[in-house]
């Protein structure tokens, strides 16, 4: 008898030695930790590049009051930036679902990213938890990482370490100096009364 409330079944039983090559722009299958980091970070950097270029053109266009050809360019670039944002959001969410599938968890758990503090824990799980060996409920295991993925991971990791190790301390020092000067100016203003 056909049970209408039964979960849909799919024949995903695969041999433990079977694997597949994950695709960058695919929204199905599984991806491992390193690919997840590289794909999501690479996509985010690409998005910031598009937004940066759009902002470089949009700011002068809006500063001119949006008149004439600059106004049309501003509207078109705004639409492109919005489409890039929506596309990046969909792909990043897809990578998260694929990563959850790799640890044999439902993609619906990705909705936990909308809950503060829980999203931090889920992010750590996605980055550090090892995926299922062989096939699982969501398909065959991805192939081992290629040299290109490993090289991209190393470069992105160095960029992040460089940012947090060099740029952050410099900016924190500049911010501290700014606060000190602001307090001195406020104190001088208070002394004038």
C-alpha atoms as a PDB file:
ATOM      1  CA  UNK A   1       0.000   0.000   0.000  1.00  0.00           C
ATOM      2  CA  UNK A   2       1.280   3.479  -0.859  1.00  0.00           C
ATOM      3  CA  UNK A   3       1.585   5.591   2.297  1.00  0.00           C
ATOM      4  CA  UNK A   4       1.027   9.303   1.409  1.00  0.00           C
ATOM      5  CA  UNK A   5       2.670  10.542   4.639  1.00  0.00           C
ATOM      6  CA  UNK A   6       5.810   8.488   4.260  1.00  0.00           C
ATOM      7  CA  UNK A   7       9.044  10.353   3.579  1.00  0.00           C
ATOM      8  CA  UNK A   8      10.041  10.195  -0.068  1.00  0.00           C
ATOM      9  CA  UNK A   9      12.666   7.591  -0.730  1.00  0.00           C
ATOM     10  CA  UNK A  10      15.630   7.874  -3.014  1.00  0.00           C
ATOM     11  CA  UNK A  11      18.099   5.254  -4.051  1.00  0.00           C
ATOM     12  CA  UNK A  12      21.244   6.851  -2.680  1.00  0.00           C
ATOM     13  CA  UNK A  13      22.908   3.680  -1.469  1.00  0.00           C
ATOM     14  CA  UNK A  14      26.358   3.808  -2.993  1.00  0.00           C
ATOM     15  CA  UNK A  15      29.431   1.688  -2.676  1.00  0.00           C
ATOM     16  CA  UNK A  16      31.881   3.007  -0.107  1.00  0.00           C
ATOM     17  CA  UNK A  17      34.610   3.305  -2.755  1.00  0.00           C
ATOM     18  CA  UNK A  18      32.452   5.370  -5.137  1.00  0.00           C
ATOM     19  CA  UNK A  19      33.092   9.139  -5.205  1.00  0.00           C
ATOM     20  CA  UNK A  20      32.188  12.122  -7.342  1.00  0.00           C
ATOM     21  CA  UNK A  21      33.828  15.405  -8.330  1.00  0.00           C
ATOM     22  CA  UNK A  22      32.009  18.371  -6.706  1.00  0.00           C
ATOM     23  CA  UNK A  23      31.258  21.332  -8.941  1.00  0.00           C
ATOM     24  CA  UNK A  24      31.738  24.944  -7.824  1.00  0.00           C
ATOM     25  CA  UNK A  25      28.348  26.229  -8.968  1.00  0.00           C
ATOM     26  CA  UNK A  26      26.319  23.117  -8.124  1.00  0.00           C
ATOM     27  CA  UNK A  27      23.703  23.184  -5.380  1.00  0.00           C
ATOM     28  CA  UNK A  28      23.505  19.411  -4.921  1.00  0.00           C
ATOM     29  CA  UNK A  29      25.805  16.741  -3.546  1.00  0.00           C
ATOM     30  CA  UNK A  30      28.370  16.921  -0.790  1.00  0.00           C
ATOM     31  CA  UNK A  31      31.493  19.018  -0.202  1.00  0.00           C
ATOM     32  CA  UNK A  32      34.195  18.622   2.401  1.00  0.00           C
ATOM     33  CA  UNK A  33      35.585  21.114   4.875  1.00  0.00           C
ATOM     34  CA  UNK A  34      38.365  22.494   2.718  1.00  0.00           C
ATOM     35  CA  UNK A  35      36.184  22.895  -0.374  1.00  0.00           C
ATOM     36  CA  UNK A  36      33.472  24.534   1.723  1.00  0.00           C
ATOM     37  CA  UNK A  37      35.955  27.084   3.056  1.00  0.00           C
ATOM     38  CA  UNK A  38      37.483  27.770  -0.376  1.00  0.00           C
ATOM     39  CA  UNK A  39      34.177  27.967  -2.254  1.00  0.00           C
ATOM     40  CA  UNK A  40      32.396  30.157   0.306  1.00  0.00           C
ATOM     41  CA  UNK A  41      35.375  32.463   0.885  1.00  0.00           C
ATOM     42  CA  UNK A  42      36.124  32.728  -2.833  1.00  0.00           C
ATOM     43  CA  UNK A  43      32.515  33.575  -3.590  1.00  0.00           C
ATOM     44  CA  UNK A  44      32.458  36.160  -0.811  1.00  0.00           C
ATOM     45  CA  UNK A  45      35.637  37.821  -2.118  1.00  0.00           C
ATOM     46  CA  UNK A  46      34.182  37.880  -5.637  1.00  0.00           C
ATOM     47  CA  UNK A  47      31.026  39.509  -4.279  1.00  0.00           C
ATOM     48  CA  UNK A  48      33.030  42.197  -2.456  1.00  0.00           C
ATOM     49  CA  UNK A  49      34.946  42.885  -5.678  1.00  0.00           C
ATOM     50  CA  UNK A  50      31.678  43.409  -7.580  1.00  0.00           C
ATOM     51  CA  UNK A  51      30.272  45.608  -4.803  1.00  0.00           C
ATOM     52  CA  UNK A  52      33.520  47.609  -4.637  1.00  0.00           C
ATOM     53  CA  UNK A  53      33.474  48.301  -8.363  1.00  0.00           C
ATOM     54  CA  UNK A  54      29.786  49.177  -8.234  1.00  0.00           C
ATOM     55  CA  UNK A  55      30.361  51.513  -5.274  1.00  0.00           C
ATOM     56  CA  UNK A  56      33.251  53.236  -7.073  1.00  0.00           C
ATOM     57  CA  UNK A  57      30.842  54.144  -9.858  1.00  0.00           C
ATOM     58  CA  UNK A  58      27.683  54.613  -7.773  1.00  0.00           C
ATOM     59  CA  UNK A  59      29.054  57.092  -5.234  1.00  0.00           C
ATOM     60  CA  UNK A  60      29.972  59.733  -7.843  1.00  0.00           C
ATOM     61  CA  UNK A  61      26.721  59.031  -9.706  1.00  0.00           C
ATOM     62  CA  UNK A  62      24.606  59.618  -6.622  1.00  0.00           C
ATOM     63  CA  UNK A  63      26.741  62.605  -5.611  1.00  0.00           C
ATOM     64  CA  UNK A  64      25.866  64.251  -8.932  1.00  0.00           C
ATOM     65  CA  UNK A  65      22.199  63.980  -8.032  1.00  0.00           C
ATOM     66  CA  UNK A  66      21.518  61.052 -10.365  1.00  0.00           C
ATOM     67  CA  UNK A  67      21.033  63.294 -13.375  1.00  0.00           C
ATOM     68  CA  UNK A  68      21.437  62.203 -16.977  1.00  0.00           C
ATOM     69  CA  UNK A  69      23.532  59.248 -18.013  1.00  0.00           C
ATOM     70  CA  UNK A  70      25.122  58.880 -14.581  1.00  0.00           C
ATOM     71  CA  UNK A  71      21.669  58.325 -13.065  1.00  0.00           C
ATOM     72  CA  UNK A  72      20.944  55.509 -15.514  1.00  0.00           C
ATOM     73  CA  UNK A  73      24.362  53.958 -14.863  1.00  0.00           C
ATOM     74  CA  UNK A  74      23.702  54.175 -11.125  1.00  0.00           C
ATOM     75  CA  UNK A  75      20.356  52.391 -11.450  1.00  0.00           C
ATOM     76  CA  UNK A  76      21.820  49.648 -13.663  1.00  0.00           C
ATOM     77  CA  UNK A  77      24.785  49.102 -11.343  1.00  0.00           C
ATOM     78  CA  UNK A  78      22.483  49.044  -8.323  1.00  0.00           C
ATOM     79  CA  UNK A  79      20.481  46.276  -9.959  1.00  0.00           C
ATOM     80  CA  UNK A  80      23.664  44.352 -10.817  1.00  0.00           C
ATOM     81  CA  UNK A  81      24.912  44.670  -7.234  1.00  0.00           C
ATOM     82  CA  UNK A  82      21.537  43.493  -5.897  1.00  0.00           C
ATOM     83  CA  UNK A  83      21.522  40.508  -8.275  1.00  0.00           C
ATOM     84  CA  UNK A  84      25.103  39.664  -7.238  1.00  0.00           C
ATOM     85  CA  UNK A  85      24.088  39.804  -3.582  1.00  0.00           C
ATOM     86  CA  UNK A  86      21.086  37.523  -4.102  1.00  0.00           C
ATOM     87  CA  UNK A  87      23.175  35.103  -6.168  1.00  0.00           C
ATOM     88  CA  UNK A  88      25.928  35.040  -3.550  1.00  0.00           C
ATOM     89  CA  UNK A  89      23.387  34.445  -0.799  1.00  0.00           C
ATOM     90  CA  UNK A  90      21.828  31.506  -2.671  1.00  0.00           C
ATOM     91  CA  UNK A  91      25.190  29.933  -3.485  1.00  0.00           C
ATOM     92  CA  UNK A  92      26.536  30.385   0.050  1.00  0.00           C
ATOM     93  CA  UNK A  93      23.393  28.804   1.473  1.00  0.00           C
ATOM     94  CA  UNK A  94      23.760  25.985  -1.065  1.00  0.00           C
ATOM     95  CA  UNK A  95      27.349  25.364   0.058  1.00  0.00           C
ATOM     96  CA  UNK A  96      26.142  25.240   3.656  1.00  0.00           C
ATOM     97  CA  UNK A  97      23.487  22.644   2.769  1.00  0.00           C
ATOM     98  CA  UNK A  98      26.045  20.587   0.825  1.00  0.00           C
ATOM     99  CA  UNK A  99      28.426  20.706   3.790  1.00  0.00           C
ATOM    100  CA  UNK A 100      25.661  19.612   6.173  1.00  0.00           C
ATOM    101  CA  UNK A 101      24.875  16.760   3.785  1.00  0.00           C
ATOM    102  CA  UNK A 102      28.537  15.752   3.957  1.00  0.00           C
ATOM    103  CA  UNK A 103      28.254  15.245   7.720  1.00  0.00           C
ATOM    104  CA  UNK A 104      25.015  13.284   7.089  1.00  0.00           C
ATOM    105  CA  UNK A 105      22.792  16.038   8.483  1.00  0.00           C
ATOM    106  CA  UNK A 106      19.705  17.561   6.911  1.00  0.00           C
ATOM    107  CA  UNK A 107      20.115  20.791   4.962  1.00  0.00           C
ATOM    108  CA  UNK A 108      17.210  22.187   6.980  1.00  0.00           C
ATOM    109  CA  UNK A 109      19.681  22.668   9.834  1.00  0.00           C
ATOM    110  CA  UNK A 110      21.105  25.547   7.798  1.00  0.00           C
ATOM    111  CA  UNK A 111      18.154  27.608   9.063  1.00  0.00           C
ATOM    112  CA  UNK A 112      19.938  27.620  12.430  1.00  0.00           C
ATOM    113  CA  UNK A 113      22.245  30.229  10.905  1.00  0.00           C
ATOM    114  CA  UNK A 114      19.424  32.706  11.505  1.00  0.00           C
ATOM    115  CA  UNK A 115      19.639  32.167  15.290  1.00  0.00           C
ATOM    116  CA  UNK A 116      22.260  34.310  17.071  1.00  0.00           C
ATOM    117  CA  UNK A 117      25.022  32.387  18.898  1.00  0.00           C
ATOM    118  CA  UNK A 118      23.749  29.113  17.443  1.00  0.00           C
ATOM    119  CA  UNK A 119      25.011  30.315  14.051  1.00  0.00           C
ATOM    120  CA  UNK A 120      28.521  30.651  15.490  1.00  0.00           C
ATOM    121  CA  UNK A 121      28.454  27.073  16.785  1.00  0.00           C
ATOM    122  CA  UNK A 122      27.042  25.776  13.487  1.00  0.00           C
ATOM    123  CA  UNK A 123      29.751  27.669  11.595  1.00  0.00           C
ATOM    124  CA  UNK A 124      32.439  25.987  13.702  1.00  0.00           C
ATOM    125  CA  UNK A 125      30.850  22.593  13.087  1.00  0.00           C
ATOM    126  CA  UNK A 126      30.756  23.214   9.339  1.00  0.00           C
ATOM    127  CA  UNK A 127      34.425  24.161   9.281  1.00  0.00           C
ATOM    128  CA  UNK A 128      35.880  21.588  11.664  1.00  0.00           C
ATOM    129  CA  UNK A 129      33.672  18.458  11.685  1.00  0.00           C
ATOM    130  CA  UNK A 130      34.907  15.730   9.388  1.00  0.00           C
ATOM    131  CA  UNK A 131      32.471  14.442   6.788  1.00  0.00           C
ATOM    132  CA  UNK A 132      31.068  10.909   6.574  1.00  0.00           C
ATOM    133  CA  UNK A 133      33.379   8.290   5.167  1.00  0.00           C
ATOM    134  CA  UNK A 134      32.062   6.818   1.941  1.00  0.00           C
ATOM    135  CA  UNK A 135      28.474   7.224   0.852  1.00  0.00           C
ATOM    136  CA  UNK A 136      25.791   8.431   3.229  1.00  0.00           C
ATOM    137  CA  UNK A 137      22.094   9.338   3.003  1.00  0.00           C
ATOM    138  CA  UNK A 138      22.903  12.260   0.717  1.00  0.00           C
ATOM    139  CA  UNK A 139      25.081  10.608  -1.891  1.00  0.00           C
ATOM    140  CA  UNK A 140      28.593   9.531  -2.674  1.00  0.00           C
ATOM    141  CA  UNK A 141      31.603  11.015  -0.945  1.00  0.00           C
ATOM    142  CA  UNK A 142      33.432  13.794  -2.782  1.00  0.00           C
ATOM    143  CA  UNK A 143      36.834  12.988  -4.255  1.00  0.00           C
ATOM    144  CA  UNK A 144      39.949  14.040  -2.401  1.00  0.00           C
ATOM    145  CA  UNK A 145      40.898  17.703  -2.728  1.00  0.00           C
ATOM    146  CA  UNK A 146      42.929  18.600  -5.781  1.00  0.00           C
ATOM    147  CA  UNK A 147      46.158  20.574  -5.665  1.00  0.00           C
ATOM    148  CA  UNK A 148      44.265  23.688  -6.775  1.00  0.00           C
ATOM    149  CA  UNK A 149      41.825  23.459  -3.862  1.00  0.00           C
ATOM    150  CA  UNK A 150      44.699  22.928  -1.412  1.00  0.00           C
ATOM    151  CA  UNK A 151      46.635  25.869  -2.868  1.00  0.00           C
ATOM    152  CA  UNK A 152      43.557  28.129  -2.746  1.00  0.00           C
ATOM    153  CA  UNK A 153      42.960  27.060   0.865  1.00  0.00           C
ATOM    154  CA  UNK A 154      46.549  27.919   1.817  1.00  0.00           C
ATOM    155  CA  UNK A 155      46.382  31.323   0.097  1.00  0.00           C
ATOM    156  CA  UNK A 156      43.012  32.218   1.660  1.00  0.00           C
ATOM    157  CA  UNK A 157      44.192  31.072   5.077  1.00  0.00           C
ATOM    158  CA  UNK A 158      47.337  33.210   4.778  1.00  0.00           C
ATOM    159  CA  UNK A 159      45.237  36.197   3.730  1.00  0.00           C
ATOM    160  CA  UNK A 160      42.973  35.751   6.749  1.00  0.00           C
ATOM    161  CA  UNK A 161      45.873  35.282   9.153  1.00  0.00           C
ATOM    162  CA  UNK A 162      47.547  38.335   7.622  1.00  0.00           C
ATOM    163  CA  UNK A 163      44.393  40.350   8.041  1.00  0.00           C
ATOM    164  CA  UNK A 164      43.792  39.370  11.645  1.00  0.00           C
ATOM    165  CA  UNK A 165      47.495  39.386  12.521  1.00  0.00           C
ATOM    166  CA  UNK A 166      48.563  42.630  10.837  1.00  0.00           C
ATOM    167  CA  UNK A 167      45.659  44.805   9.735  1.00  0.00           C
ATOM    168  CA  UNK A 168      43.490  44.302  12.818  1.00  0.00           C
ATOM    169  CA  UNK A 169      46.179  45.366  15.341  1.00  0.00           C
ATOM    170  CA  UNK A 170      47.020  48.428  13.234  1.00  0.00           C
ATOM    171  CA  UNK A 171      43.384  49.463  12.980  1.00  0.00           C
ATOM    172  CA  UNK A 172      42.788  48.802  16.665  1.00  0.00           C
ATOM    173  CA  UNK A 173      45.797  51.024  17.521  1.00  0.00           C
ATOM    174  CA  UNK A 174      44.494  53.780  15.229  1.00  0.00           C
ATOM    175  CA  UNK A 175      41.038  53.499  16.793  1.00  0.00           C
ATOM    176  CA  UNK A 176      42.550  53.661  20.290  1.00  0.00           C
ATOM    177  CA  UNK A 177      44.492  56.800  19.312  1.00  0.00           C
ATOM    178  CA  UNK A 178      41.311  58.312  17.870  1.00  0.00           C
ATOM    179  CA  UNK A 179      39.402  57.663  21.099  1.00  0.00           C
ATOM    180  CA  UNK A 180      42.224  59.193  23.121  1.00  0.00           C
ATOM    181  CA  UNK A 181      42.254  62.348  20.967  1.00  0.00           C
ATOM    182  CA  UNK A 182      38.447  62.579  21.169  1.00  0.00           C
ATOM    183  CA  UNK A 183      38.567  62.343  24.964  1.00  0.00           C
ATOM    184  CA  UNK A 184      41.282  65.015  25.110  1.00  0.00           C
ATOM    185  CA  UNK A 185      39.237  67.310  22.871  1.00  0.00           C
ATOM    186  CA  UNK A 186      36.175  66.708  24.999  1.00  0.00           C
ATOM    187  CA  UNK A 187      38.155  67.429  28.164  1.00  0.00           C
ATOM    188  CA  UNK A 188      39.530  70.661  26.657  1.00  0.00           C
ATOM    189  CA  UNK A 189      36.011  71.702  25.700  1.00  0.00           C
ATOM    190  CA  UNK A 190      34.798  70.909  29.224  1.00  0.00           C
ATOM    191  CA  UNK A 191      37.681  72.928  30.733  1.00  0.00           C
ATOM    192  CA  UNK A 192      36.728  75.969  28.614  1.00  0.00           C
ATOM    193  CA  UNK A 193      33.375  76.199  30.430  1.00  0.00           C
END
